[in-house]
């Protein structure tokens, strides 16, 4: 079996979509699906979204978030061993300038998003999208492939 941190790094780097949970003003969970990019060590996830989306409103008021990343094609219950990642962290909207590293990381994964977060247009607030960052505080790797008898493996955030 590979080291859990290496599996987590590989998995997060290759996966495409995360589910992000925020909480509304009443404390109810709200889940959304987002394309994302990652930076590891320090552990960060970036996504873009319109400022007026409910998850963006929620995280501005209550920045603690949780999420999952599952990149396994499933065809039936129990038919395919599952590997996935969950996380907790703190999210925030980034400023519209000084975010070249985050823009580069996101565009290296999703080049078609260039117009949505073009640095000049973003700095001039001419785009509908903003960049958000999640500082991951904890990970859990769930690995039925490499550790079928004990698949749930907490992995410290770095």
C-alpha atoms as a PDB file:
ATOM      1  CA  UNK A   1       0.000   0.000   0.000  1.00  0.00           C
ATOM      2  CA  UNK A   2       1.224   3.506  -0.815  1.00  0.00           C
ATOM      3  CA  UNK A   3       1.707   6.083   1.913  1.00  0.00           C
ATOM      4  CA  UNK A   4      -1.671   7.780   2.653  1.00  0.00           C
ATOM      5  CA  UNK A   5      -0.288  11.324   2.156  1.00  0.00           C
ATOM      6  CA  UNK A   6       1.124  10.427  -1.278  1.00  0.00           C
ATOM      7  CA  UNK A   7      -2.202   8.853  -2.294  1.00  0.00           C
ATOM      8  CA  UNK A   8      -4.057  11.932  -1.079  1.00  0.00           C
ATOM      9  CA  UNK A   9      -1.715  14.280  -2.982  1.00  0.00           C
ATOM     10  CA  UNK A  10      -2.048  12.256  -6.195  1.00  0.00           C
ATOM     11  CA  UNK A  11      -5.801  11.946  -5.860  1.00  0.00           C
ATOM     12  CA  UNK A  12      -6.480  15.624  -5.127  1.00  0.00           C
ATOM     13  CA  UNK A  13      -4.147  16.714  -7.926  1.00  0.00           C
ATOM     14  CA  UNK A  14      -5.922  14.506 -10.489  1.00  0.00           C
ATOM     15  CA  UNK A  15      -9.555  14.967  -9.420  1.00  0.00           C
ATOM     16  CA  UNK A  16     -11.705  17.525 -11.175  1.00  0.00           C
ATOM     17  CA  UNK A  17     -14.751  18.413  -9.068  1.00  0.00           C
ATOM     18  CA  UNK A  18     -15.336  18.897  -5.367  1.00  0.00           C
ATOM     19  CA  UNK A  19     -18.502  19.102  -3.351  1.00  0.00           C
ATOM     20  CA  UNK A  20     -18.361  22.038  -0.948  1.00  0.00           C
ATOM     21  CA  UNK A  21     -20.585  22.377   2.112  1.00  0.00           C
ATOM     22  CA  UNK A  22     -21.277  25.764   3.670  1.00  0.00           C
ATOM     23  CA  UNK A  23     -23.918  26.739   6.215  1.00  0.00           C
ATOM     24  CA  UNK A  24     -26.663  29.285   5.804  1.00  0.00           C
ATOM     25  CA  UNK A  25     -27.745  31.879   8.376  1.00  0.00           C
ATOM     26  CA  UNK A  26     -29.969  29.300  10.119  1.00  0.00           C
ATOM     27  CA  UNK A  27     -27.136  26.753  10.317  1.00  0.00           C
ATOM     28  CA  UNK A  28     -28.535  24.532   7.575  1.00  0.00           C
ATOM     29  CA  UNK A  29     -25.977  22.901   5.280  1.00  0.00           C
ATOM     30  CA  UNK A  30     -25.766  23.960   1.644  1.00  0.00           C
ATOM     31  CA  UNK A  31     -23.803  21.804  -0.807  1.00  0.00           C
ATOM     32  CA  UNK A  32     -22.556  22.777  -4.252  1.00  0.00           C
ATOM     33  CA  UNK A  33     -20.329  21.184  -6.902  1.00  0.00           C
ATOM     34  CA  UNK A  34     -17.309  23.148  -8.087  1.00  0.00           C
ATOM     35  CA  UNK A  35     -14.410  22.742 -10.500  1.00  0.00           C
ATOM     36  CA  UNK A  36     -11.247  23.286  -8.491  1.00  0.00           C
ATOM     37  CA  UNK A  37      -7.479  23.509  -8.516  1.00  0.00           C
ATOM     38  CA  UNK A  38      -5.161  22.592  -5.689  1.00  0.00           C
ATOM     39  CA  UNK A  39      -1.925  23.653  -4.096  1.00  0.00           C
ATOM     40  CA  UNK A  40      -0.338  21.310  -1.608  1.00  0.00           C
ATOM     41  CA  UNK A  41       2.068  22.075   1.233  1.00  0.00           C
ATOM     42  CA  UNK A  42       0.471  24.370   2.262  1.00  0.00           C
ATOM     43  CA  UNK A  43      -2.810  22.581   1.517  1.00  0.00           C
ATOM     44  CA  UNK A  44      -5.123  24.872  -0.389  1.00  0.00           C
ATOM     45  CA  UNK A  45      -7.994  24.480  -2.814  1.00  0.00           C
ATOM     46  CA  UNK A  46      -9.111  27.209  -5.205  1.00  0.00           C
ATOM     47  CA  UNK A  47     -12.352  27.667  -7.074  1.00  0.00           C
ATOM     48  CA  UNK A  48     -14.012  30.459  -8.981  1.00  0.00           C
ATOM     49  CA  UNK A  49     -17.609  31.486  -8.601  1.00  0.00           C
ATOM     50  CA  UNK A  50     -19.900  34.447  -8.956  1.00  0.00           C
ATOM     51  CA  UNK A  51     -19.993  36.600  -5.831  1.00  0.00           C
ATOM     52  CA  UNK A  52     -23.783  36.330  -5.559  1.00  0.00           C
ATOM     53  CA  UNK A  53     -23.946  32.524  -5.346  1.00  0.00           C
ATOM     54  CA  UNK A  54     -25.380  31.260  -2.079  1.00  0.00           C
ATOM     55  CA  UNK A  55     -22.221  29.330  -1.166  1.00  0.00           C
ATOM     56  CA  UNK A  56     -20.188  32.545  -1.602  1.00  0.00           C
ATOM     57  CA  UNK A  57     -22.595  34.518   0.586  1.00  0.00           C
ATOM     58  CA  UNK A  58     -22.430  31.751   3.175  1.00  0.00           C
ATOM     59  CA  UNK A  59     -18.655  31.488   3.333  1.00  0.00           C
ATOM     60  CA  UNK A  60     -18.222  35.256   3.633  1.00  0.00           C
ATOM     61  CA  UNK A  61     -20.373  35.157   6.782  1.00  0.00           C
ATOM     62  CA  UNK A  62     -19.369  31.715   8.070  1.00  0.00           C
ATOM     63  CA  UNK A  63     -15.987  30.699   6.636  1.00  0.00           C
ATOM     64  CA  UNK A  64     -15.768  27.171   8.083  1.00  0.00           C
ATOM     65  CA  UNK A  65     -16.437  24.673   5.307  1.00  0.00           C
ATOM     66  CA  UNK A  66     -16.261  20.958   4.598  1.00  0.00           C
ATOM     67  CA  UNK A  67     -16.141  19.076   1.364  1.00  0.00           C
ATOM     68  CA  UNK A  68     -15.423  15.940  -0.556  1.00  0.00           C
ATOM     69  CA  UNK A  69     -13.585  14.946  -3.666  1.00  0.00           C
ATOM     70  CA  UNK A  70     -14.652  11.719  -5.367  1.00  0.00           C
ATOM     71  CA  UNK A  71     -13.165  10.821  -8.716  1.00  0.00           C
ATOM     72  CA  UNK A  72     -14.294   7.205  -9.010  1.00  0.00           C
ATOM     73  CA  UNK A  73     -16.701   6.061 -11.708  1.00  0.00           C
ATOM     74  CA  UNK A  74     -19.305   3.880  -9.995  1.00  0.00           C
ATOM     75  CA  UNK A  75     -21.644   1.533 -11.798  1.00  0.00           C
ATOM     76  CA  UNK A  76     -23.342  -0.299  -8.933  1.00  0.00           C
ATOM     77  CA  UNK A  77     -23.301  -0.583  -5.163  1.00  0.00           C
ATOM     78  CA  UNK A  78     -20.326  -2.631  -4.043  1.00  0.00           C
ATOM     79  CA  UNK A  79     -19.156  -3.212  -7.605  1.00  0.00           C
ATOM     80  CA  UNK A  80     -16.141  -0.918  -7.524  1.00  0.00           C
ATOM     81  CA  UNK A  81     -13.834  -0.184  -4.583  1.00  0.00           C
ATOM     82  CA  UNK A  82     -14.001   3.506  -3.688  1.00  0.00           C
ATOM     83  CA  UNK A  83     -11.232   5.995  -3.084  1.00  0.00           C
ATOM     84  CA  UNK A  84     -12.082   9.553  -2.103  1.00  0.00           C
ATOM     85  CA  UNK A  85     -11.105  12.456   0.105  1.00  0.00           C
ATOM     86  CA  UNK A  86     -12.993  14.636   2.535  1.00  0.00           C
ATOM     87  CA  UNK A  87     -11.697  17.835   4.072  1.00  0.00           C
ATOM     88  CA  UNK A  88     -12.479  20.629   6.484  1.00  0.00           C
ATOM     89  CA  UNK A  89     -11.121  24.125   6.305  1.00  0.00           C
ATOM     90  CA  UNK A  90     -11.645  27.835   6.213  1.00  0.00           C
ATOM     91  CA  UNK A  91     -12.697  29.568   3.004  1.00  0.00           C
ATOM     92  CA  UNK A  92     -12.407  33.145   1.863  1.00  0.00           C
ATOM     93  CA  UNK A  93     -12.827  35.304  -1.185  1.00  0.00           C
ATOM     94  CA  UNK A  94      -9.451  36.484  -2.431  1.00  0.00           C
ATOM     95  CA  UNK A  95      -8.743  40.074  -3.490  1.00  0.00           C
ATOM     96  CA  UNK A  96      -8.954  41.009  -7.153  1.00  0.00           C
ATOM     97  CA  UNK A  97      -5.228  41.820  -7.361  1.00  0.00           C
ATOM     98  CA  UNK A  98      -2.096  40.060  -6.178  1.00  0.00           C
ATOM     99  CA  UNK A  99      -3.536  36.636  -6.982  1.00  0.00           C
ATOM    100  CA  UNK A 100      -1.396  35.676  -9.978  1.00  0.00           C
ATOM    101  CA  UNK A 101      -0.292  32.386  -8.391  1.00  0.00           C
ATOM    102  CA  UNK A 102      -3.892  31.340  -7.755  1.00  0.00           C
ATOM    103  CA  UNK A 103      -4.964  32.391 -11.263  1.00  0.00           C
ATOM    104  CA  UNK A 104      -2.080  30.415 -12.790  1.00  0.00           C
ATOM    105  CA  UNK A 105      -2.941  27.320 -10.733  1.00  0.00           C
ATOM    106  CA  UNK A 106      -6.594  27.476 -11.738  1.00  0.00           C
ATOM    107  CA  UNK A 107      -5.944  28.224 -15.413  1.00  0.00           C
ATOM    108  CA  UNK A 108      -3.377  25.418 -15.648  1.00  0.00           C
ATOM    109  CA  UNK A 109      -6.271  23.040 -14.870  1.00  0.00           C
ATOM    110  CA  UNK A 110      -9.067  24.931 -16.611  1.00  0.00           C
ATOM    111  CA  UNK A 111      -7.712  27.092 -19.470  1.00  0.00           C
ATOM    112  CA  UNK A 112     -11.211  27.870 -20.766  1.00  0.00           C
ATOM    113  CA  UNK A 113     -11.791  29.922 -17.592  1.00  0.00           C
ATOM    114  CA  UNK A 114      -9.317  32.565 -18.772  1.00  0.00           C
ATOM    115  CA  UNK A 115     -11.968  35.134 -19.626  1.00  0.00           C
ATOM    116  CA  UNK A 116     -13.724  34.618 -16.280  1.00  0.00           C
ATOM    117  CA  UNK A 117     -10.590  35.425 -14.249  1.00  0.00           C
ATOM    118  CA  UNK A 118      -8.393  37.401 -16.629  1.00  0.00           C
ATOM    119  CA  UNK A 119      -6.046  39.319 -14.271  1.00  0.00           C
ATOM    120  CA  UNK A 120      -6.623  42.730 -15.838  1.00  0.00           C
ATOM    121  CA  UNK A 121     -10.394  42.332 -16.021  1.00  0.00           C
ATOM    122  CA  UNK A 122     -10.454  40.898 -12.495  1.00  0.00           C
ATOM    123  CA  UNK A 123      -8.419  43.851 -11.135  1.00  0.00           C
ATOM    124  CA  UNK A 124     -10.840  46.268 -12.830  1.00  0.00           C
ATOM    125  CA  UNK A 125     -13.829  44.297 -11.461  1.00  0.00           C
ATOM    126  CA  UNK A 126     -15.024  43.664 -15.008  1.00  0.00           C
ATOM    127  CA  UNK A 127     -15.609  39.941 -14.430  1.00  0.00           C
ATOM    128  CA  UNK A 128     -18.567  38.252 -12.777  1.00  0.00           C
ATOM    129  CA  UNK A 129     -16.303  35.704 -11.100  1.00  0.00           C
ATOM    130  CA  UNK A 130     -14.026  35.941  -8.109  1.00  0.00           C
ATOM    131  CA  UNK A 131     -11.384  33.542  -6.805  1.00  0.00           C
ATOM    132  CA  UNK A 132     -11.930  31.709  -3.535  1.00  0.00           C
ATOM    133  CA  UNK A 133      -9.414  29.841  -1.423  1.00  0.00           C
ATOM    134  CA  UNK A 134      -9.934  27.062   1.084  1.00  0.00           C
ATOM    135  CA  UNK A 135      -7.154  26.618   3.623  1.00  0.00           C
ATOM    136  CA  UNK A 136      -7.499  22.927   4.444  1.00  0.00           C
ATOM    137  CA  UNK A 137      -7.189  22.126   8.161  1.00  0.00           C
ATOM    138  CA  UNK A 138      -7.849  18.360   8.016  1.00  0.00           C
ATOM    139  CA  UNK A 139      -8.116  15.583   5.441  1.00  0.00           C
ATOM    140  CA  UNK A 140      -9.572  12.092   5.515  1.00  0.00           C
ATOM    141  CA  UNK A 141      -8.551   9.649   2.804  1.00  0.00           C
ATOM    142  CA  UNK A 142     -11.092   6.884   2.219  1.00  0.00           C
ATOM    143  CA  UNK A 143      -9.302   4.075   0.386  1.00  0.00           C
ATOM    144  CA  UNK A 144     -11.061   0.749  -0.203  1.00  0.00           C
ATOM    145  CA  UNK A 145      -8.458  -0.064  -2.866  1.00  0.00           C
ATOM    146  CA  UNK A 146      -5.242   0.100  -0.825  1.00  0.00           C
ATOM    147  CA  UNK A 147      -6.706  -0.453   2.640  1.00  0.00           C
ATOM    148  CA  UNK A 148      -9.948  -2.438   2.276  1.00  0.00           C
ATOM    149  CA  UNK A 149     -10.045  -3.523   5.947  1.00  0.00           C
ATOM    150  CA  UNK A 150      -9.519   0.003   7.334  1.00  0.00           C
ATOM    151  CA  UNK A 151     -10.326   2.419   4.490  1.00  0.00           C
ATOM    152  CA  UNK A 152     -10.842   5.574   6.588  1.00  0.00           C
ATOM    153  CA  UNK A 153      -7.445   7.203   7.154  1.00  0.00           C
ATOM    154  CA  UNK A 154      -7.065  10.675   8.680  1.00  0.00           C
ATOM    155  CA  UNK A 155      -4.180  12.510   7.005  1.00  0.00           C
ATOM    156  CA  UNK A 156      -2.766  15.641   8.657  1.00  0.00           C
ATOM    157  CA  UNK A 157      -3.035  18.842   6.647  1.00  0.00           C
ATOM    158  CA  UNK A 158       0.275  20.490   5.853  1.00  0.00           C
END
